[in-house]
N, C-alpha and C. Protein backbone atom coordinates (compact mmCIF):
# COMPACT_ATOMS: atom_id res chain seq x y z
N MET A 1 14.94 9.69 4.93
CA MET A 1 13.59 9.22 5.18
C MET A 1 13.41 8.69 6.60
N PRO A 2 14.44 8.18 7.28
CA PRO A 2 14.25 7.72 8.66
C PRO A 2 13.82 8.84 9.60
N ASP A 3 14.18 10.11 9.26
CA ASP A 3 13.80 11.24 10.11
C ASP A 3 12.44 11.81 9.77
N GLU A 4 11.79 11.28 8.73
CA GLU A 4 10.47 11.74 8.33
C GLU A 4 9.49 11.56 9.49
N GLN A 5 8.68 12.57 9.75
CA GLN A 5 7.68 12.50 10.81
C GLN A 5 6.43 11.77 10.29
N VAL A 6 6.03 10.73 11.00
CA VAL A 6 4.85 9.96 10.63
C VAL A 6 3.83 10.00 11.75
N ALA A 7 2.58 9.80 11.39
CA ALA A 7 1.50 9.79 12.38
C ALA A 7 1.55 8.48 13.16
N VAL A 8 1.34 8.58 14.45
CA VAL A 8 1.24 7.41 15.32
C VAL A 8 -0.24 7.23 15.66
N TYR A 9 -0.70 5.99 15.58
CA TYR A 9 -2.10 5.65 15.85
C TYR A 9 -2.15 4.74 17.07
N ASP A 10 -3.36 4.54 17.60
CA ASP A 10 -3.54 3.51 18.62
C ASP A 10 -4.14 2.28 17.95
N ALA A 11 -4.36 1.25 18.73
CA ALA A 11 -4.87 -0.01 18.18
C ALA A 11 -6.26 0.13 17.57
N LEU A 12 -7.01 1.15 17.99
CA LEU A 12 -8.37 1.35 17.47
C LEU A 12 -8.41 2.22 16.23
N GLY A 13 -7.27 2.78 15.82
CA GLY A 13 -7.24 3.56 14.59
C GLY A 13 -7.35 5.06 14.78
N THR A 14 -7.05 5.56 15.99
CA THR A 14 -7.09 6.99 16.27
C THR A 14 -5.67 7.54 16.31
N VAL A 15 -5.47 8.69 15.68
CA VAL A 15 -4.17 9.34 15.72
C VAL A 15 -3.89 9.78 17.16
N THR A 16 -2.69 9.44 17.65
CA THR A 16 -2.33 9.80 19.03
C THR A 16 -1.10 10.70 19.10
N GLY A 17 -0.44 10.93 17.98
CA GLY A 17 0.75 11.77 17.98
C GLY A 17 1.57 11.54 16.73
N SER A 18 2.85 11.82 16.84
CA SER A 18 3.76 11.60 15.72
C SER A 18 5.14 11.26 16.25
N THR A 19 5.94 10.68 15.38
CA THR A 19 7.33 10.35 15.68
C THR A 19 8.07 10.18 14.37
N THR A 20 9.34 9.88 14.43
CA THR A 20 10.08 9.64 13.20
C THR A 20 9.74 8.25 12.68
N ARG A 21 9.92 8.06 11.39
CA ARG A 21 9.71 6.75 10.78
C ARG A 21 10.63 5.72 11.45
N ALA A 22 11.87 6.10 11.69
CA ALA A 22 12.83 5.18 12.31
C ALA A 22 12.36 4.74 13.69
N GLU A 23 11.87 5.67 14.50
CA GLU A 23 11.38 5.34 15.84
C GLU A 23 10.13 4.45 15.75
N MET A 24 9.23 4.77 14.83
CA MET A 24 8.03 3.95 14.65
C MET A 24 8.41 2.52 14.33
N ARG A 25 9.37 2.33 13.41
CA ARG A 25 9.81 0.99 13.04
C ARG A 25 10.51 0.30 14.21
N ALA A 26 11.43 1.03 14.87
CA ALA A 26 12.21 0.44 15.96
C ALA A 26 11.34 -0.03 17.11
N ARG A 27 10.28 0.71 17.40
CA ARG A 27 9.42 0.40 18.55
C ARG A 27 8.18 -0.40 18.16
N GLY A 28 7.98 -0.63 16.86
CA GLY A 28 6.81 -1.39 16.42
C GLY A 28 5.51 -0.68 16.74
N LEU A 29 5.50 0.65 16.57
CA LEU A 29 4.32 1.44 16.92
C LEU A 29 3.21 1.30 15.88
N TRP A 30 1.97 1.43 16.36
CA TRP A 30 0.83 1.49 15.46
C TRP A 30 0.97 2.72 14.57
N HIS A 31 0.68 2.54 13.30
CA HIS A 31 0.71 3.63 12.34
C HIS A 31 -0.37 3.35 11.29
N ALA A 32 -0.40 4.14 10.24
CA ALA A 32 -1.39 3.94 9.18
C ALA A 32 -0.73 4.08 7.83
N ALA A 33 -1.38 3.50 6.84
CA ALA A 33 -0.93 3.62 5.46
C ALA A 33 -2.13 3.97 4.59
N GLY A 34 -1.88 4.76 3.58
CA GLY A 34 -2.85 4.98 2.51
C GLY A 34 -2.40 4.15 1.34
N GLU A 35 -3.30 3.33 0.79
CA GLU A 35 -2.91 2.43 -0.28
C GLU A 35 -3.97 2.43 -1.38
N VAL A 36 -3.50 2.28 -2.61
CA VAL A 36 -4.39 2.36 -3.78
C VAL A 36 -4.23 1.12 -4.64
N LEU A 37 -5.35 0.47 -4.91
CA LEU A 37 -5.40 -0.60 -5.90
C LEU A 37 -5.66 0.08 -7.24
N LEU A 38 -4.67 0.07 -8.12
CA LEU A 38 -4.81 0.69 -9.42
C LEU A 38 -5.29 -0.35 -10.41
N ARG A 39 -6.51 -0.15 -10.91
CA ARG A 39 -7.10 -1.08 -11.87
C ARG A 39 -7.16 -0.44 -13.25
N SER A 40 -7.13 -1.28 -14.24
CA SER A 40 -7.25 -0.81 -15.62
C SER A 40 -8.63 -0.18 -15.80
N GLY A 41 -8.76 0.60 -16.85
CA GLY A 41 -10.04 1.27 -17.11
C GLY A 41 -11.21 0.33 -17.19
N ASP A 42 -11.00 -0.87 -17.76
CA ASP A 42 -12.08 -1.85 -17.87
C ASP A 42 -12.26 -2.65 -16.58
N GLY A 43 -11.36 -2.45 -15.61
CA GLY A 43 -11.48 -3.12 -14.32
C GLY A 43 -11.01 -4.56 -14.30
N GLU A 44 -10.49 -5.05 -15.41
CA GLU A 44 -10.14 -6.47 -15.51
C GLU A 44 -8.74 -6.81 -14.98
N SER A 45 -7.90 -5.81 -14.81
CA SER A 45 -6.52 -6.03 -14.37
C SER A 45 -6.17 -5.05 -13.27
N ALA A 46 -5.14 -5.41 -12.50
CA ALA A 46 -4.58 -4.52 -11.48
C ALA A 46 -3.10 -4.37 -11.75
N TYR A 47 -2.56 -3.22 -11.39
CA TYR A 47 -1.14 -2.98 -11.59
C TYR A 47 -0.37 -3.52 -10.39
N ILE A 48 0.60 -4.38 -10.66
CA ILE A 48 1.44 -4.91 -9.60
C ILE A 48 2.87 -4.41 -9.82
N HIS A 49 3.62 -4.32 -8.74
CA HIS A 49 4.99 -3.84 -8.86
C HIS A 49 5.88 -4.53 -7.83
N ARG A 50 7.15 -4.64 -8.19
CA ARG A 50 8.13 -5.23 -7.28
C ARG A 50 8.87 -4.10 -6.57
N ARG A 51 8.87 -4.18 -5.26
CA ARG A 51 9.51 -3.17 -4.43
C ARG A 51 11.03 -3.28 -4.53
N SER A 52 11.70 -2.16 -4.43
CA SER A 52 13.16 -2.19 -4.47
C SER A 52 13.68 -3.01 -3.29
N PRO A 53 14.82 -3.67 -3.47
CA PRO A 53 15.32 -4.55 -2.42
C PRO A 53 15.74 -3.83 -1.15
N ASP A 54 15.97 -2.52 -1.22
CA ASP A 54 16.42 -1.78 -0.03
C ASP A 54 15.29 -1.05 0.70
N LYS A 55 14.03 -1.38 0.39
CA LYS A 55 12.90 -0.81 1.13
C LYS A 55 13.02 -1.21 2.61
N ASP A 56 12.53 -0.36 3.51
CA ASP A 56 12.66 -0.66 4.94
C ASP A 56 11.76 -1.80 5.40
N VAL A 57 10.76 -2.13 4.62
CA VAL A 57 9.85 -3.23 4.94
C VAL A 57 9.57 -4.03 3.66
N PHE A 58 9.72 -5.34 3.73
CA PHE A 58 9.36 -6.26 2.64
C PHE A 58 10.04 -5.92 1.31
N GLY A 59 11.31 -5.55 1.36
CA GLY A 59 12.07 -5.23 0.16
C GLY A 59 12.14 -6.40 -0.81
N GLY A 60 12.02 -6.10 -2.10
CA GLY A 60 12.15 -7.09 -3.16
C GLY A 60 10.90 -7.90 -3.44
N LEU A 61 9.86 -7.75 -2.64
CA LEU A 61 8.62 -8.48 -2.87
C LEU A 61 7.69 -7.67 -3.76
N TRP A 62 6.63 -8.33 -4.22
CA TRP A 62 5.64 -7.71 -5.11
C TRP A 62 4.47 -7.18 -4.29
N ASP A 63 3.83 -6.15 -4.83
CA ASP A 63 2.66 -5.56 -4.18
C ASP A 63 1.67 -5.13 -5.26
N CYS A 64 0.40 -5.19 -4.91
CA CYS A 64 -0.65 -4.72 -5.83
C CYS A 64 -1.25 -3.40 -5.34
N TRP A 65 -0.69 -2.84 -4.27
CA TRP A 65 -1.15 -1.57 -3.72
C TRP A 65 -0.01 -0.55 -3.82
N ALA A 66 -0.29 0.60 -4.40
CA ALA A 66 0.65 1.72 -4.32
C ALA A 66 0.32 2.42 -3.02
N GLY A 67 1.30 2.65 -2.19
CA GLY A 67 0.98 3.30 -0.93
C GLY A 67 2.16 3.46 -0.02
N GLY A 68 1.87 4.01 1.15
CA GLY A 68 2.92 4.23 2.12
C GLY A 68 2.37 4.74 3.42
N VAL A 69 3.26 5.03 4.33
CA VAL A 69 2.93 5.44 5.68
C VAL A 69 2.36 6.86 5.68
N VAL A 70 1.30 7.05 6.47
CA VAL A 70 0.67 8.36 6.62
C VAL A 70 1.62 9.27 7.40
N ALA A 71 1.94 10.41 6.81
CA ALA A 71 2.82 11.39 7.45
C ALA A 71 2.08 12.13 8.55
N ALA A 72 2.83 12.70 9.47
CA ALA A 72 2.23 13.53 10.52
C ALA A 72 1.45 14.67 9.87
N GLY A 73 0.22 14.87 10.31
CA GLY A 73 -0.62 15.93 9.78
C GLY A 73 -1.30 15.62 8.47
N GLU A 74 -1.16 14.43 7.96
CA GLU A 74 -1.71 14.03 6.67
C GLU A 74 -2.89 13.08 6.89
N THR A 75 -3.91 13.17 6.06
CA THR A 75 -5.01 12.21 6.12
C THR A 75 -4.63 10.97 5.32
N PRO A 76 -5.25 9.83 5.59
CA PRO A 76 -4.99 8.65 4.77
C PRO A 76 -5.28 8.88 3.28
N ALA A 77 -6.33 9.64 2.96
CA ALA A 77 -6.65 9.91 1.55
C ALA A 77 -5.55 10.76 0.91
N GLU A 78 -5.05 11.77 1.63
CA GLU A 78 -3.96 12.58 1.10
C GLU A 78 -2.72 11.72 0.88
N CYS A 79 -2.45 10.84 1.83
CA CYS A 79 -1.31 9.92 1.71
C CYS A 79 -1.46 9.04 0.48
N ALA A 80 -2.63 8.44 0.30
CA ALA A 80 -2.86 7.54 -0.83
C ALA A 80 -2.65 8.27 -2.16
N SER A 81 -3.20 9.48 -2.28
CA SER A 81 -3.02 10.26 -3.52
C SER A 81 -1.55 10.59 -3.75
N ARG A 82 -0.87 11.01 -2.69
CA ARG A 82 0.55 11.35 -2.79
C ARG A 82 1.38 10.13 -3.21
N GLU A 83 1.13 9.01 -2.57
CA GLU A 83 1.91 7.80 -2.87
C GLU A 83 1.65 7.29 -4.28
N LEU A 84 0.41 7.33 -4.74
CA LEU A 84 0.10 6.90 -6.10
C LEU A 84 0.86 7.76 -7.11
N ALA A 85 0.90 9.07 -6.86
CA ALA A 85 1.62 9.98 -7.75
C ALA A 85 3.13 9.74 -7.67
N GLU A 86 3.66 9.56 -6.46
CA GLU A 86 5.11 9.35 -6.31
C GLU A 86 5.55 8.02 -6.90
N GLU A 87 4.87 6.95 -6.54
CA GLU A 87 5.33 5.61 -6.91
C GLU A 87 5.07 5.26 -8.36
N LEU A 88 3.88 5.65 -8.88
CA LEU A 88 3.49 5.22 -10.23
C LEU A 88 3.28 6.38 -11.20
N GLY A 89 3.41 7.61 -10.72
CA GLY A 89 3.23 8.77 -11.60
C GLY A 89 1.80 8.98 -12.03
N VAL A 90 0.85 8.47 -11.23
CA VAL A 90 -0.57 8.55 -11.58
C VAL A 90 -1.27 9.57 -10.68
N ARG A 91 -1.97 10.49 -11.33
CA ARG A 91 -2.77 11.47 -10.62
C ARG A 91 -4.20 11.35 -11.13
N THR A 92 -5.06 10.79 -10.28
CA THR A 92 -6.45 10.58 -10.67
C THR A 92 -7.30 10.48 -9.40
N ALA A 93 -8.61 10.50 -9.57
CA ALA A 93 -9.53 10.42 -8.44
C ALA A 93 -9.46 9.04 -7.78
N LEU A 94 -9.62 9.03 -6.47
CA LEU A 94 -9.62 7.80 -5.70
C LEU A 94 -11.01 7.53 -5.14
N THR A 95 -11.35 6.25 -5.07
CA THR A 95 -12.59 5.81 -4.44
C THR A 95 -12.23 5.09 -3.15
N PRO A 96 -12.77 5.55 -1.99
CA PRO A 96 -12.49 4.84 -0.74
C PRO A 96 -13.10 3.45 -0.76
N LEU A 97 -12.38 2.48 -0.20
CA LEU A 97 -12.85 1.10 -0.16
C LEU A 97 -13.15 0.63 1.26
N PHE A 98 -12.11 0.44 2.05
CA PHE A 98 -12.26 -0.11 3.40
C PHE A 98 -10.95 0.13 4.15
N THR A 99 -10.97 -0.16 5.43
CA THR A 99 -9.75 -0.14 6.24
C THR A 99 -9.54 -1.55 6.76
N HIS A 100 -8.31 -2.03 6.65
CA HIS A 100 -8.00 -3.34 7.22
C HIS A 100 -6.76 -3.21 8.08
N VAL A 101 -6.75 -3.96 9.14
CA VAL A 101 -5.65 -3.93 10.09
C VAL A 101 -4.68 -5.05 9.76
N PHE A 102 -3.40 -4.69 9.74
CA PHE A 102 -2.35 -5.69 9.58
C PHE A 102 -1.52 -5.65 10.85
N GLU A 103 -1.54 -6.75 11.58
CA GLU A 103 -0.77 -6.81 12.81
C GLU A 103 0.06 -8.09 12.79
N GLN A 104 1.32 -7.91 12.49
CA GLN A 104 2.30 -8.98 12.49
C GLN A 104 3.56 -8.36 13.11
N PRO A 105 3.58 -8.30 14.48
CA PRO A 105 4.67 -7.58 15.15
C PRO A 105 6.03 -7.94 14.56
N PRO A 106 6.83 -6.90 14.32
CA PRO A 106 6.70 -5.55 14.83
C PRO A 106 5.87 -4.61 13.96
N TYR A 107 5.20 -5.12 12.92
CA TYR A 107 4.39 -4.27 12.03
C TYR A 107 2.95 -4.24 12.52
N ARG A 108 2.48 -3.03 12.79
CA ARG A 108 1.09 -2.83 13.25
C ARG A 108 0.54 -1.63 12.50
N CYS A 109 -0.35 -1.89 11.56
CA CYS A 109 -0.76 -0.83 10.66
C CYS A 109 -2.26 -0.88 10.35
N HIS A 110 -2.86 0.29 10.33
CA HIS A 110 -4.22 0.47 9.82
C HIS A 110 -4.07 0.86 8.35
N ASN A 111 -4.50 0.00 7.45
CA ASN A 111 -4.37 0.24 6.02
C ASN A 111 -5.68 0.79 5.47
N PHE A 112 -5.64 2.04 5.05
CA PHE A 112 -6.80 2.70 4.46
C PHE A 112 -6.74 2.47 2.96
N ALA A 113 -7.64 1.63 2.45
CA ALA A 113 -7.59 1.19 1.06
C ALA A 113 -8.49 2.04 0.17
N PHE A 114 -7.95 2.36 -0.99
CA PHE A 114 -8.65 3.13 -2.02
C PHE A 114 -8.46 2.40 -3.35
N GLU A 115 -9.23 2.82 -4.33
CA GLU A 115 -9.12 2.26 -5.67
C GLU A 115 -9.14 3.38 -6.68
N ALA A 116 -8.45 3.16 -7.80
CA ALA A 116 -8.48 4.10 -8.92
C ALA A 116 -8.46 3.30 -10.21
N ARG A 117 -9.02 3.87 -11.25
CA ARG A 117 -8.97 3.29 -12.59
C ARG A 117 -8.03 4.13 -13.44
N TRP A 118 -7.26 3.46 -14.32
CA TRP A 118 -6.26 4.19 -15.09
C TRP A 118 -5.85 3.39 -16.31
N ASP A 119 -5.79 4.07 -17.45
CA ASP A 119 -5.28 3.46 -18.68
C ASP A 119 -4.10 4.26 -19.24
N GLY A 120 -3.64 5.25 -18.49
CA GLY A 120 -2.56 6.10 -18.97
C GLY A 120 -1.19 5.51 -18.67
N PRO A 121 -0.18 6.32 -18.87
CA PRO A 121 1.19 5.86 -18.65
C PRO A 121 1.49 5.66 -17.16
N ILE A 122 2.42 4.76 -16.89
CA ILE A 122 2.92 4.49 -15.55
C ILE A 122 4.39 4.89 -15.53
N THR A 123 4.77 5.64 -14.52
CA THR A 123 6.16 6.06 -14.35
C THR A 123 6.61 5.65 -12.96
N HIS A 124 7.48 4.66 -12.89
CA HIS A 124 7.95 4.16 -11.60
C HIS A 124 8.90 5.14 -10.92
N GLN A 125 8.78 5.22 -9.60
CA GLN A 125 9.77 5.94 -8.80
C GLN A 125 10.94 4.97 -8.60
N PRO A 126 12.09 5.25 -9.20
CA PRO A 126 13.18 4.27 -9.21
C PRO A 126 13.68 3.86 -7.82
N GLU A 127 13.59 4.75 -6.83
CA GLU A 127 14.03 4.42 -5.48
C GLU A 127 13.10 3.42 -4.80
N GLU A 128 11.86 3.32 -5.29
CA GLU A 128 10.85 2.49 -4.63
C GLU A 128 10.48 1.23 -5.41
N ILE A 129 10.50 1.33 -6.75
CA ILE A 129 9.96 0.25 -7.58
C ILE A 129 10.98 -0.19 -8.63
N VAL A 130 11.18 -1.50 -8.70
CA VAL A 130 12.13 -2.09 -9.64
C VAL A 130 11.48 -2.41 -10.98
N GLU A 131 10.25 -2.92 -10.93
CA GLU A 131 9.52 -3.28 -12.15
C GLU A 131 8.04 -3.38 -11.83
N GLY A 132 7.22 -3.42 -12.89
CA GLY A 132 5.78 -3.55 -12.69
C GLY A 132 5.09 -3.96 -13.97
N ARG A 133 3.83 -4.38 -13.80
CA ARG A 133 3.05 -4.79 -14.98
C ARG A 133 1.58 -4.92 -14.58
N TRP A 134 0.72 -4.97 -15.58
CA TRP A 134 -0.70 -5.22 -15.36
C TRP A 134 -0.90 -6.73 -15.20
N MET A 135 -1.71 -7.13 -14.23
CA MET A 135 -2.00 -8.54 -14.00
C MET A 135 -3.52 -8.73 -13.99
N PRO A 136 -4.03 -9.68 -14.78
CA PRO A 136 -5.46 -9.96 -14.74
C PRO A 136 -5.90 -10.33 -13.32
N LEU A 137 -7.11 -9.91 -12.96
CA LEU A 137 -7.59 -10.13 -11.59
C LEU A 137 -7.61 -11.61 -11.20
N GLY A 138 -7.93 -12.49 -12.14
CA GLY A 138 -7.93 -13.92 -11.84
C GLY A 138 -6.55 -14.41 -11.44
N GLU A 139 -5.53 -13.93 -12.12
CA GLU A 139 -4.16 -14.30 -11.80
C GLU A 139 -3.74 -13.71 -10.44
N LEU A 140 -4.18 -12.47 -10.19
CA LEU A 140 -3.87 -11.84 -8.91
C LEU A 140 -4.54 -12.60 -7.76
N ARG A 141 -5.77 -13.03 -7.97
CA ARG A 141 -6.46 -13.82 -6.93
C ARG A 141 -5.67 -15.10 -6.64
N ALA A 142 -5.19 -15.78 -7.68
CA ALA A 142 -4.40 -17.00 -7.49
C ALA A 142 -3.12 -16.70 -6.71
N TRP A 143 -2.45 -15.60 -7.06
CA TRP A 143 -1.24 -15.20 -6.33
C TRP A 143 -1.57 -14.96 -4.86
N ALA A 144 -2.66 -14.23 -4.61
CA ALA A 144 -3.03 -13.88 -3.24
C ALA A 144 -3.37 -15.12 -2.42
N GLN A 145 -3.97 -16.11 -3.05
CA GLN A 145 -4.35 -17.33 -2.33
C GLN A 145 -3.20 -18.31 -2.15
N ASP A 146 -2.10 -18.09 -2.85
CA ASP A 146 -0.94 -18.97 -2.76
C ASP A 146 0.06 -18.39 -1.76
N PRO A 147 0.21 -19.01 -0.58
CA PRO A 147 1.12 -18.45 0.43
C PRO A 147 2.58 -18.42 0.00
N SER A 148 2.93 -19.14 -1.06
CA SER A 148 4.32 -19.12 -1.52
C SER A 148 4.58 -18.05 -2.59
N SER A 149 3.54 -17.34 -3.01
CA SER A 149 3.74 -16.29 -4.01
C SER A 149 4.50 -15.12 -3.38
N PRO A 150 5.13 -14.29 -4.21
CA PRO A 150 5.99 -13.23 -3.69
C PRO A 150 5.26 -11.93 -3.31
N LEU A 151 3.99 -12.00 -2.94
CA LEU A 151 3.26 -10.81 -2.50
C LEU A 151 3.65 -10.44 -1.07
N ILE A 152 3.74 -9.13 -0.80
CA ILE A 152 4.02 -8.71 0.58
C ILE A 152 2.85 -9.11 1.47
N PRO A 153 3.11 -9.42 2.74
CA PRO A 153 2.04 -9.94 3.62
C PRO A 153 0.86 -8.99 3.79
N ASP A 154 1.10 -7.70 4.04
CA ASP A 154 -0.04 -6.80 4.23
C ASP A 154 -0.79 -6.56 2.93
N GLY A 155 -0.07 -6.56 1.81
CA GLY A 155 -0.72 -6.44 0.50
C GLY A 155 -1.58 -7.65 0.19
N ARG A 156 -1.08 -8.82 0.56
CA ARG A 156 -1.86 -10.05 0.38
C ARG A 156 -3.14 -9.98 1.21
N ALA A 157 -3.02 -9.57 2.47
CA ALA A 157 -4.21 -9.47 3.33
C ALA A 157 -5.22 -8.48 2.74
N GLY A 158 -4.71 -7.35 2.24
CA GLY A 158 -5.60 -6.35 1.67
C GLY A 158 -6.32 -6.82 0.42
N ILE A 159 -5.60 -7.48 -0.49
CA ILE A 159 -6.25 -7.90 -1.73
C ILE A 159 -7.19 -9.07 -1.47
N LEU A 160 -6.88 -9.92 -0.51
CA LEU A 160 -7.84 -10.98 -0.16
C LEU A 160 -9.12 -10.38 0.39
N GLU A 161 -8.99 -9.31 1.17
CA GLU A 161 -10.19 -8.62 1.67
C GLU A 161 -10.94 -7.98 0.50
N TRP A 162 -10.20 -7.40 -0.44
CA TRP A 162 -10.85 -6.81 -1.61
C TRP A 162 -11.63 -7.87 -2.38
N PHE A 163 -11.02 -9.03 -2.63
CA PHE A 163 -11.73 -10.10 -3.35
C PHE A 163 -12.94 -10.57 -2.55
N ARG A 164 -12.81 -10.66 -1.24
CA ARG A 164 -13.95 -11.09 -0.40
C ARG A 164 -15.12 -10.11 -0.55
N ARG A 165 -14.83 -8.83 -0.61
CA ARG A 165 -15.89 -7.81 -0.67
C ARG A 165 -16.40 -7.54 -2.08
N TYR A 166 -15.48 -7.52 -3.06
CA TYR A 166 -15.84 -7.03 -4.39
C TYR A 166 -15.64 -8.01 -5.53
N GLY A 167 -14.86 -9.05 -5.29
CA GLY A 167 -14.49 -9.89 -6.41
C GLY A 167 -15.16 -11.20 -6.42
């Protein structure tokens, strides 16, 4: 995976080229992620998952977004669909939400957020996810507002933006 080609962006969110994932991480380059907030069919809960401890970023922490880095030649929407299928085994329509920037050097990312509703089975990608469960939105809001909770920093920023806009 370190040799995987990923899209490189500028600070304004425009694709400027590509490089390997390892080089992007080593140099702290701007990149993008496609991420999906998976909500239950009734919209009352979101699926959260704990990242495997050997992830290259924020290993072992919890996230409420299924997602990953946009590959070279891939759109954020294609990335989000691919990551949702890979990480959680879910293939369904996505609704675009917003883009939020996460800049905490060396991490600089344009996060393209999407949402999906799902009541079907969840199948974790064992290399990426250790465990997961549905969490009521009220509990997720409390987690997001608590700086000591185990949410990944960019996921926390994204869900706080989601609550500001929609919740």
